[in-house]
């Protein structure tokens, strides 16, 4: 589990890096960064206004989880299962 918070407008948001298998690349693994939905809410207006910092943050997030999911400190396996269910 790699916790890597993002600070935006003075507030810290939890993000996590998780290791996923990438089907497109024949089983190669990749690290992806996920965040709770609260981060999207914090950057949305600036993102829509093309504020570079907000755009850069969004470009680095693989998926925004339901509010509070990451704050509940799930295991990497729980995050992978959540993503599998959400993305299929």
PDB file of N, CA and C in Angstrom:
ATOM      1  N   UNK A   1       0.850  -1.173   0.000  1.00  0.00           N
ATOM      2  CA  UNK A   1       0.000   0.000   0.000  1.00  0.00           C
ATOM      3  C   UNK A   1       0.890   1.229   0.000  1.00  0.00           C
ATOM      4  N   UNK A   2       0.705   2.074  -0.992  1.00  0.00           N
ATOM      5  CA  UNK A   2       1.457   3.315  -1.034  1.00  0.00           C
ATOM      6  C   UNK A   2       0.477   4.483  -0.972  1.00  0.00           C
ATOM      7  N   UNK A   3       0.452   5.144   0.156  1.00  0.00           N
ATOM      8  CA  UNK A   3      -0.396   6.321   0.333  1.00  0.00           C
ATOM      9  C   UNK A   3       0.410   7.523  -0.138  1.00  0.00           C
ATOM     10  N   UNK A   4      -0.206   8.341  -0.966  1.00  0.00           N
ATOM     11  CA  UNK A   4       0.490   9.496  -1.541  1.00  0.00           C
ATOM     12  C   UNK A   4      -0.492  10.664  -1.627  1.00  0.00           C
ATOM     13  N   UNK A   5      -0.634  11.432  -0.542  1.00  0.00           N
ATOM     14  CA  UNK A   5      -1.631  12.500  -0.534  1.00  0.00           C
ATOM     15  C   UNK A   5      -1.318  13.612  -1.542  1.00  0.00           C
ATOM     16  N   UNK A   6      -2.374  14.244  -1.987  1.00  0.00           N
ATOM     17  CA  UNK A   6      -2.287  15.433  -2.834  1.00  0.00           C
ATOM     18  C   UNK A   6      -2.842  16.593  -2.022  1.00  0.00           C
ATOM     19  N   UNK A   7      -2.122  17.699  -2.022  1.00  0.00           N
ATOM     20  CA  UNK A   7      -2.611  18.913  -1.366  1.00  0.00           C
ATOM     21  C   UNK A   7      -3.092  19.856  -2.456  1.00  0.00           C
ATOM     22  N   UNK A   8      -4.339  20.288  -2.327  1.00  0.00           N
ATOM     23  CA  UNK A   8      -4.914  21.224  -3.294  1.00  0.00           C
ATOM     24  C   UNK A   8      -5.662  22.305  -2.532  1.00  0.00           C
ATOM     25  N   UNK A   9      -5.333  23.541  -2.822  1.00  0.00           N
ATOM     26  CA  UNK A   9      -5.926  24.701  -2.128  1.00  0.00           C
ATOM     27  C   UNK A   9      -5.838  24.543  -0.607  1.00  0.00           C
ATOM     28  N   UNK A  10      -4.695  24.040  -0.148  1.00  0.00           N
ATOM     29  CA  UNK A  10      -4.443  23.938   1.275  1.00  0.00           C
ATOM     30  C   UNK A  10      -5.066  22.753   1.981  1.00  0.00           C
ATOM     31  N   UNK A  11      -5.761  21.890   1.254  1.00  0.00           N
ATOM     32  CA  UNK A  11      -6.390  20.725   1.874  1.00  0.00           C
ATOM     33  C   UNK A  11      -5.752  19.455   1.315  1.00  0.00           C
ATOM     34  N   UNK A  12      -5.551  18.486   2.192  1.00  0.00           N
ATOM     35  CA  UNK A  12      -4.917  17.228   1.800  1.00  0.00           C
ATOM     36  C   UNK A  12      -5.972  16.182   1.438  1.00  0.00           C
ATOM     37  N   UNK A  13      -5.733  15.494   0.314  1.00  0.00           N
ATOM     38  CA  UNK A  13      -6.627  14.452  -0.172  1.00  0.00           C
ATOM     39  C   UNK A  13      -5.848  13.148  -0.296  1.00  0.00           C
ATOM     40  N   UNK A  14      -6.425  12.075   0.213  1.00  0.00           N
ATOM     41  CA  UNK A  14      -5.775  10.770   0.174  1.00  0.00           C
ATOM     42  C   UNK A  14      -5.793  10.227  -1.249  1.00  0.00           C
ATOM     43  N   UNK A  15      -4.646   9.753  -1.706  1.00  0.00           N
ATOM     44  CA  UNK A  15      -4.570   8.973  -2.938  1.00  0.00           C
ATOM     45  C   UNK A  15      -3.739   7.742  -2.634  1.00  0.00           C
ATOM     46  N   UNK A  16      -3.940   6.708  -3.433  1.00  0.00           N
ATOM     47  CA  UNK A  16      -3.184   5.468  -3.251  1.00  0.00           C
ATOM     48  C   UNK A  16      -2.672   4.995  -4.597  1.00  0.00           C
ATOM     49  N   UNK A  17      -1.475   4.459  -4.596  1.00  0.00           N
ATOM     50  CA  UNK A  17      -0.917   3.785  -5.756  1.00  0.00           C
ATOM     51  C   UNK A  17      -1.169   2.296  -5.567  1.00  0.00           C
ATOM     52  N   UNK A  18      -1.706   1.649  -6.601  1.00  0.00           N
ATOM     53  CA  UNK A  18      -1.920   0.204  -6.555  1.00  0.00           C
ATOM     54  C   UNK A  18      -1.363  -0.421  -7.823  1.00  0.00           C
ATOM     55  N   UNK A  19      -0.989  -1.653  -7.702  1.00  0.00           N
ATOM     56  CA  UNK A  19      -0.397  -2.421  -8.790  1.00  0.00           C
ATOM     57  C   UNK A  19      -1.519  -3.198  -9.482  1.00  0.00           C
ATOM     58  N   UNK A  20      -1.733  -2.942 -10.775  1.00  0.00           N
ATOM     59  CA  UNK A  20      -2.772  -3.637 -11.546  1.00  0.00           C
ATOM     60  C   UNK A  20      -2.148  -4.382 -12.707  1.00  0.00           C
ATOM     61  N   UNK A  21      -2.775  -5.470 -13.085  1.00  0.00           N
ATOM     62  CA  UNK A  21      -2.372  -6.169 -14.302  1.00  0.00           C
ATOM     63  C   UNK A  21      -3.059  -5.465 -15.468  1.00  0.00           C
ATOM     64  N   UNK A  22      -2.314  -5.213 -16.525  1.00  0.00           N
ATOM     65  CA  UNK A  22      -2.838  -4.526 -17.698  1.00  0.00           C
ATOM     66  C   UNK A  22      -3.108  -5.549 -18.797  1.00  0.00           C
ATOM     67  N   UNK A  23      -4.380  -5.805 -19.048  1.00  0.00           N
ATOM     68  CA  UNK A  23      -4.775  -6.803 -20.038  1.00  0.00           C
ATOM     69  C   UNK A  23      -4.284  -6.421 -21.432  1.00  0.00           C
ATOM     70  N   UNK A  24      -4.288  -5.141 -21.746  1.00  0.00           N
ATOM     71  CA  UNK A  24      -3.868  -4.695 -23.071  1.00  0.00           C
ATOM     72  C   UNK A  24      -2.422  -5.061 -23.375  1.00  0.00           C
ATOM     73  N   UNK A  25      -1.602  -5.166 -22.350  1.00  0.00           N
ATOM     74  CA  UNK A  25      -0.180  -5.442 -22.551  1.00  0.00           C
ATOM     75  C   UNK A  25       0.183  -6.852 -22.099  1.00  0.00           C
ATOM     76  N   UNK A  26      -0.752  -7.779 -22.305  1.00  0.00           N
ATOM     77  CA  UNK A  26      -0.515  -9.206 -22.084  1.00  0.00           C
ATOM     78  C   UNK A  26       0.012  -9.513 -20.687  1.00  0.00           C
ATOM     79  N   UNK A  27      -0.678  -9.023 -19.699  1.00  0.00           N
ATOM     80  CA  UNK A  27      -0.355  -9.368 -18.331  1.00  0.00           C
ATOM     81  C   UNK A  27       0.715  -8.530 -17.664  1.00  0.00           C
ATOM     82  N   UNK A  28       1.234  -7.542 -18.354  1.00  0.00           N
ATOM     83  CA  UNK A  28       2.201  -6.674 -17.700  1.00  0.00           C
ATOM     84  C   UNK A  28       1.505  -5.863 -16.610  1.00  0.00           C
ATOM     85  N   UNK A  29       2.233  -5.593 -15.567  1.00  0.00           N
ATOM     86  CA  UNK A  29       1.660  -4.847 -14.455  1.00  0.00           C
ATOM     87  C   UNK A  29       1.950  -3.359 -14.610  1.00  0.00           C
ATOM     88  N   UNK A  30       1.086  -2.565 -14.020  1.00  0.00           N
ATOM     89  CA  UNK A  30       1.292  -1.118 -14.000  1.00  0.00           C
ATOM     90  C   UNK A  30       0.826  -0.581 -12.656  1.00  0.00           C
ATOM     91  N   UNK A  31       1.420   0.504 -12.236  1.00  0.00           N
ATOM     92  CA  UNK A  31       0.986   1.188 -11.027  1.00  0.00           C
ATOM     93  C   UNK A  31       0.024   2.297 -11.438  1.00  0.00           C
ATOM     94  N   UNK A  32      -1.103   2.367 -10.735  1.00  0.00           N
ATOM     95  CA  UNK A  32      -2.077   3.412 -11.018  1.00  0.00           C
ATOM     96  C   UNK A  32      -2.399   4.136  -9.713  1.00  0.00           C
ATOM     97  N   UNK A  33      -2.801   5.380  -9.872  1.00  0.00           N
ATOM     98  CA  UNK A  33      -3.132   6.213  -8.701  1.00  0.00           C
ATOM     99  C   UNK A  33      -4.636   6.423  -8.666  1.00  0.00           C
ATOM    100  N   UNK A  34      -5.227   6.142  -7.513  1.00  0.00           N
ATOM    101  CA  UNK A  34      -6.657   6.335  -7.331  1.00  0.00           C
ATOM    102  C   UNK A  34      -6.885   7.316  -6.192  1.00  0.00           C
ATOM    103  N   UNK A  35      -8.033   7.961  -6.219  1.00  0.00           N
ATOM    104  CA  UNK A  35      -8.375   8.961  -5.206  1.00  0.00           C
ATOM    105  C   UNK A  35      -9.856   8.840  -4.870  1.00  0.00           C
ATOM    106  N   UNK A  36     -10.228   9.367  -3.733  1.00  0.00           N
ATOM    107  CA  UNK A  36     -11.650   9.472  -3.411  1.00  0.00           C
ATOM    108  C   UNK A  36     -12.265  10.611  -4.220  1.00  0.00           C
ATOM    109  N   UNK A  37     -13.569  10.526  -4.407  1.00  0.00           N
ATOM    110  CA  UNK A  37     -14.326  11.495  -5.199  1.00  0.00           C
ATOM    111  C   UNK A  37     -14.153  12.925  -4.683  1.00  0.00           C
ATOM    112  N   UNK A  38     -13.851  13.075  -3.413  1.00  0.00           N
ATOM    113  CA  UNK A  38     -13.687  14.417  -2.840  1.00  0.00           C
ATOM    114  C   UNK A  38     -12.599  15.215  -3.557  1.00  0.00           C
ATOM    115  N   UNK A  39     -11.577  14.535  -4.040  1.00  0.00           N
ATOM    116  CA  UNK A  39     -10.534  15.249  -4.778  1.00  0.00           C
ATOM    117  C   UNK A  39     -11.101  15.818  -6.066  1.00  0.00           C
ATOM    118  N   UNK A  40     -11.902  15.041  -6.778  1.00  0.00           N
ATOM    119  CA  UNK A  40     -12.503  15.547  -8.013  1.00  0.00           C
ATOM    120  C   UNK A  40     -13.361  16.772  -7.725  1.00  0.00           C
ATOM    121  N   UNK A  41     -14.152  16.707  -6.662  1.00  0.00           N
ATOM    122  CA  UNK A  41     -15.001  17.841  -6.292  1.00  0.00           C
ATOM    123  C   UNK A  41     -14.142  19.080  -6.053  1.00  0.00           C
ATOM    124  N   UNK A  42     -12.987  18.891  -5.420  1.00  0.00           N
ATOM    125  CA  UNK A  42     -12.101  20.019  -5.102  1.00  0.00           C
ATOM    126  C   UNK A  42     -11.494  20.648  -6.351  1.00  0.00           C
ATOM    127  N   UNK A  43     -11.190  19.839  -7.373  1.00  0.00           N
ATOM    128  CA  UNK A  43     -10.509  20.377  -8.560  1.00  0.00           C
ATOM    129  C   UNK A  43     -11.440  20.645  -9.733  1.00  0.00           C
ATOM    130  N   UNK A  44     -12.681  20.196  -9.671  1.00  0.00           N
ATOM    131  CA  UNK A  44     -13.576  20.222 -10.838  1.00  0.00           C
ATOM    132  C   UNK A  44     -13.711  21.599 -11.493  1.00  0.00           C
ATOM    133  N   UNK A  45     -14.019  22.625 -10.715  1.00  0.00           N
ATOM    134  CA  UNK A  45     -14.203  23.957 -11.316  1.00  0.00           C
ATOM    135  C   UNK A  45     -12.915  24.445 -11.977  1.00  0.00           C
ATOM    136  N   UNK A  46     -11.796  24.265 -11.280  1.00  0.00           N
ATOM    137  CA  UNK A  46     -10.513  24.686 -11.857  1.00  0.00           C
ATOM    138  C   UNK A  46     -10.161  23.842 -13.074  1.00  0.00           C
ATOM    139  N   UNK A  47     -10.461  22.551 -13.030  1.00  0.00           N
ATOM    140  CA  UNK A  47     -10.217  21.683 -14.180  1.00  0.00           C
ATOM    141  C   UNK A  47     -11.012  22.184 -15.389  1.00  0.00           C
ATOM    142  N   UNK A  48     -12.284  22.487 -15.166  1.00  0.00           N
ATOM    143  CA  UNK A  48     -13.141  22.978 -16.252  1.00  0.00           C
ATOM    144  C   UNK A  48     -12.685  24.334 -16.778  1.00  0.00           C
ATOM    145  N   UNK A  49     -11.987  25.093 -15.933  1.00  0.00           N
ATOM    146  CA  UNK A  49     -11.421  26.382 -16.352  1.00  0.00           C
ATOM    147  C   UNK A  49      -9.994  26.233 -16.878  1.00  0.00           C
ATOM    148  N   UNK A  50      -9.546  24.996 -17.052  1.00  0.00           N
ATOM    149  CA  UNK A  50      -8.204  24.689 -17.574  1.00  0.00           C
ATOM    150  C   UNK A  50      -7.068  25.241 -16.719  1.00  0.00           C
ATOM    151  N   UNK A  51      -7.257  25.254 -15.414  1.00  0.00           N
ATOM    152  CA  UNK A  51      -6.174  25.632 -14.508  1.00  0.00           C
ATOM    153  C   UNK A  51      -5.137  24.496 -14.552  1.00  0.00           C
ATOM    154  N   UNK A  52      -3.904  24.824 -14.929  1.00  0.00           N
ATOM    155  CA  UNK A  52      -2.908  23.767 -15.155  1.00  0.00           C
ATOM    156  C   UNK A  52      -2.733  22.785 -13.998  1.00  0.00           C
ATOM    157  N   UNK A  53      -2.698  23.267 -12.771  1.00  0.00           N
ATOM    158  CA  UNK A  53      -2.494  22.363 -11.632  1.00  0.00           C
ATOM    159  C   UNK A  53      -3.633  21.350 -11.524  1.00  0.00           C
ATOM    160  N   UNK A  54      -4.862  21.805 -11.708  1.00  0.00           N
ATOM    161  CA  UNK A  54      -6.015  20.907 -11.621  1.00  0.00           C
ATOM    162  C   UNK A  54      -6.009  19.896 -12.761  1.00  0.00           C
ATOM    163  N   UNK A  55      -5.664  20.342 -13.950  1.00  0.00           N
ATOM    164  CA  UNK A  55      -5.598  19.438 -15.104  1.00  0.00           C
ATOM    165  C   UNK A  55      -4.506  18.396 -14.886  1.00  0.00           C
ATOM    166  N   UNK A  56      -3.366  18.826 -14.389  1.00  0.00           N
ATOM    167  CA  UNK A  56      -2.258  17.900 -14.128  1.00  0.00           C
ATOM    168  C   UNK A  56      -2.646  16.856 -13.080  1.00  0.00           C
ATOM    169  N   UNK A  57      -3.323  17.281 -12.031  1.00  0.00           N
ATOM    170  CA  UNK A  57      -3.769  16.336 -11.000  1.00  0.00           C
ATOM    171  C   UNK A  57      -4.719  15.315 -11.617  1.00  0.00           C
ATOM    172  N   UNK A  58      -5.723  15.799 -12.345  1.00  0.00           N
ATOM    173  CA  UNK A  58      -6.689  14.879 -12.936  1.00  0.00           C
ATOM    174  C   UNK A  58      -6.029  13.905 -13.906  1.00  0.00           C
ATOM    175  N   UNK A  59      -5.070  14.379 -14.672  1.00  0.00           N
ATOM    176  CA  UNK A  59      -4.384  13.505 -15.624  1.00  0.00           C
ATOM    177  C   UNK A  59      -3.619  12.386 -14.925  1.00  0.00           C
ATOM    178  N   UNK A  60      -3.282  12.586 -13.666  1.00  0.00           N
ATOM    179  CA  UNK A  60      -2.539  11.576 -12.927  1.00  0.00           C
ATOM    180  C   UNK A  60      -3.399  10.600 -12.144  1.00  0.00           C
ATOM    181  N   UNK A  61      -4.705  10.805 -12.159  1.00  0.00           N
ATOM    182  CA  UNK A  61      -5.601   9.927 -11.411  1.00  0.00           C
ATOM    183  C   UNK A  61      -6.236   8.928 -12.367  1.00  0.00           C
ATOM    184  N   UNK A  62      -6.075   7.656 -12.047  1.00  0.00           N
ATOM    185  CA  UNK A  62      -6.640   6.579 -12.865  1.00  0.00           C
ATOM    186  C   UNK A  62      -8.143   6.476 -12.652  1.00  0.00           C
ATOM    187  N   UNK A  63      -8.589   6.623 -11.390  1.00  0.00           N
ATOM    188  CA  UNK A  63     -10.016   6.460 -11.083  1.00  0.00           C
ATOM    189  C   UNK A  63     -10.342   7.190  -9.786  1.00  0.00           C
ATOM    190  N   UNK A  64     -11.530   7.809  -9.758  1.00  0.00           N
ATOM    191  CA  UNK A  64     -12.046   8.428  -8.540  1.00  0.00           C
ATOM    192  C   UNK A  64     -13.036   7.454  -7.904  1.00  0.00           C
ATOM    193  N   UNK A  65     -12.716   7.003  -6.709  1.00  0.00           N
ATOM    194  CA  UNK A  65     -13.556   6.057  -5.982  1.00  0.00           C
ATOM    195  C   UNK A  65     -14.701   6.790  -5.284  1.00  0.00           C
ATOM    196  N   UNK A  66     -15.680   6.021  -4.842  1.00  0.00           N
ATOM    197  CA  UNK A  66     -16.787   6.598  -4.085  1.00  0.00           C
ATOM    198  C   UNK A  66     -16.252   7.367  -2.881  1.00  0.00           C
ATOM    199  N   UNK A  67     -17.001   8.353  -2.465  1.00  0.00           N
ATOM    200  CA  UNK A  67     -16.606   9.192  -1.333  1.00  0.00           C
ATOM    201  C   UNK A  67     -16.249   8.341  -0.123  1.00  0.00           C
ATOM    202  N   UNK A  68     -15.071   8.601   0.417  1.00  0.00           N
ATOM    203  CA  UNK A  68     -14.645   7.960   1.638  1.00  0.00           C
ATOM    204  C   UNK A  68     -14.092   6.550   1.499  1.00  0.00           C
ATOM    205  N   UNK A  69     -14.093   5.983   0.295  1.00  0.00           N
ATOM    206  CA  UNK A  69     -13.602   4.608   0.142  1.00  0.00           C
ATOM    207  C   UNK A  69     -12.148   4.487   0.575  1.00  0.00           C
ATOM    208  N   UNK A  70     -11.276   5.312   0.028  1.00  0.00           N
ATOM    209  CA  UNK A  70      -9.860   5.237   0.400  1.00  0.00           C
ATOM    210  C   UNK A  70      -9.618   5.706   1.826  1.00  0.00           C
ATOM    211  N   UNK A  71     -10.423   6.634   2.277  1.00  0.00           N
ATOM    212  CA  UNK A  71     -10.288   7.118   3.655  1.00  0.00           C
ATOM    213  C   UNK A  71     -10.542   5.989   4.651  1.00  0.00           C
ATOM    214  N   UNK A  72     -11.271   4.962   4.221  1.00  0.00           N
ATOM    215  CA  UNK A  72     -11.532   3.805   5.065  1.00  0.00           C
ATOM    216  C   UNK A  72     -10.373   2.824   5.120  1.00  0.00           C
ATOM    217  N   UNK A  73      -9.252   3.168   4.472  1.00  0.00           N
ATOM    218  CA  UNK A  73      -8.020   2.398   4.483  1.00  0.00           C
ATOM    219  C   UNK A  73      -8.186   0.956   3.996  1.00  0.00           C
ATOM    220  N   UNK A  74      -8.759   0.765   2.793  1.00  0.00           N
ATOM    221  CA  UNK A  74      -8.880  -0.590   2.258  1.00  0.00           C
ATOM    222  C   UNK A  74      -7.504  -1.162   1.907  1.00  0.00           C
ATOM    223  N   UNK A  75      -7.428  -2.478   1.825  1.00  0.00           N
ATOM    224  CA  UNK A  75      -6.202  -3.122   1.386  1.00  0.00           C
ATOM    225  C   UNK A  75      -6.059  -2.941  -0.127  1.00  0.00           C
ATOM    226  N   UNK A  76      -4.866  -3.227  -0.642  1.00  0.00           N
ATOM    227  CA  UNK A  76      -4.667  -3.161  -2.090  1.00  0.00           C
ATOM    228  C   UNK A  76      -5.602  -4.131  -2.804  1.00  0.00           C
ATOM    229  N   UNK A  77      -5.785  -5.320  -2.245  1.00  0.00           N
ATOM    230  CA  UNK A  77      -6.699  -6.289  -2.866  1.00  0.00           C
ATOM    231  C   UNK A  77      -8.129  -5.760  -2.895  1.00  0.00           C
ATOM    232  N   UNK A  78      -8.546  -5.083  -1.849  1.00  0.00           N
ATOM    233  CA  UNK A  78      -9.894  -4.508  -1.830  1.00  0.00           C
ATOM    234  C   UNK A  78     -10.023  -3.404  -2.878  1.00  0.00           C
ATOM    235  N   UNK A  79      -8.971  -2.623  -3.060  1.00  0.00           N
ATOM    236  CA  UNK A  79      -9.000  -1.576  -4.092  1.00  0.00           C
ATOM    237  C   UNK A  79      -9.069  -2.214  -5.473  1.00  0.00           C
ATOM    238  N   UNK A  80      -8.274  -3.248  -5.712  1.00  0.00           N
ATOM    239  CA  UNK A  80      -8.312  -3.929  -7.013  1.00  0.00           C
ATOM    240  C   UNK A  80      -9.691  -4.508  -7.287  1.00  0.00           C
ATOM    241  N   UNK A  81     -10.311  -5.121  -6.297  1.00  0.00           N
ATOM    242  CA  UNK A  81     -11.653  -5.680  -6.461  1.00  0.00           C
ATOM    243  C   UNK A  81     -12.663  -4.568  -6.742  1.00  0.00           C
ATOM    244  N   UNK A  82     -12.543  -3.467  -6.024  1.00  0.00           N
ATOM    245  CA  UNK A  82     -13.426  -2.313  -6.242  1.00  0.00           C
ATOM    246  C   UNK A  82     -13.301  -1.820  -7.684  1.00  0.00           C
ATOM    247  N   UNK A  83     -12.071  -1.686  -8.174  1.00  0.00           N
ATOM    248  CA  UNK A  83     -11.859  -1.229  -9.536  1.00  0.00           C
ATOM    249  C   UNK A  83     -12.401  -2.227 -10.554  1.00  0.00           C
ATOM    250  N   UNK A  84     -12.176  -3.504 -10.298  1.00  0.00           N
ATOM    251  CA  UNK A  84     -12.690  -4.535 -11.216  1.00  0.00           C
ATOM    252  C   UNK A  84     -14.213  -4.429 -11.324  1.00  0.00           C
ATOM    253  N   UNK A  85     -14.876  -4.304 -10.188  1.00  0.00           N
ATOM    254  CA  UNK A  85     -16.336  -4.200 -10.188  1.00  0.00           C
ATOM    255  C   UNK A  85     -16.817  -2.903 -10.830  1.00  0.00           C
ATOM    256  N   UNK A  86     -16.095  -1.829 -10.595  1.00  0.00           N
ATOM    257  CA  UNK A  86     -16.507  -0.512 -11.111  1.00  0.00           C
ATOM    258  C   UNK A  86     -16.246  -0.348 -12.596  1.00  0.00           C
ATOM    259  N   UNK A  87     -15.217  -1.009 -13.104  1.00  0.00           N
ATOM    260  CA  UNK A  87     -14.802  -0.785 -14.485  1.00  0.00           C
ATOM    261  C   UNK A  87     -15.274  -1.861 -15.451  1.00  0.00           C
ATOM    262  N   UNK A  88     -15.973  -2.873 -14.955  1.00  0.00           N
ATOM    263  CA  UNK A  88     -16.480  -3.912 -15.862  1.00  0.00           C
ATOM    264  C   UNK A  88     -17.979  -3.909 -15.914  1.00  0.00           C
TER     265      UNK A  88
END
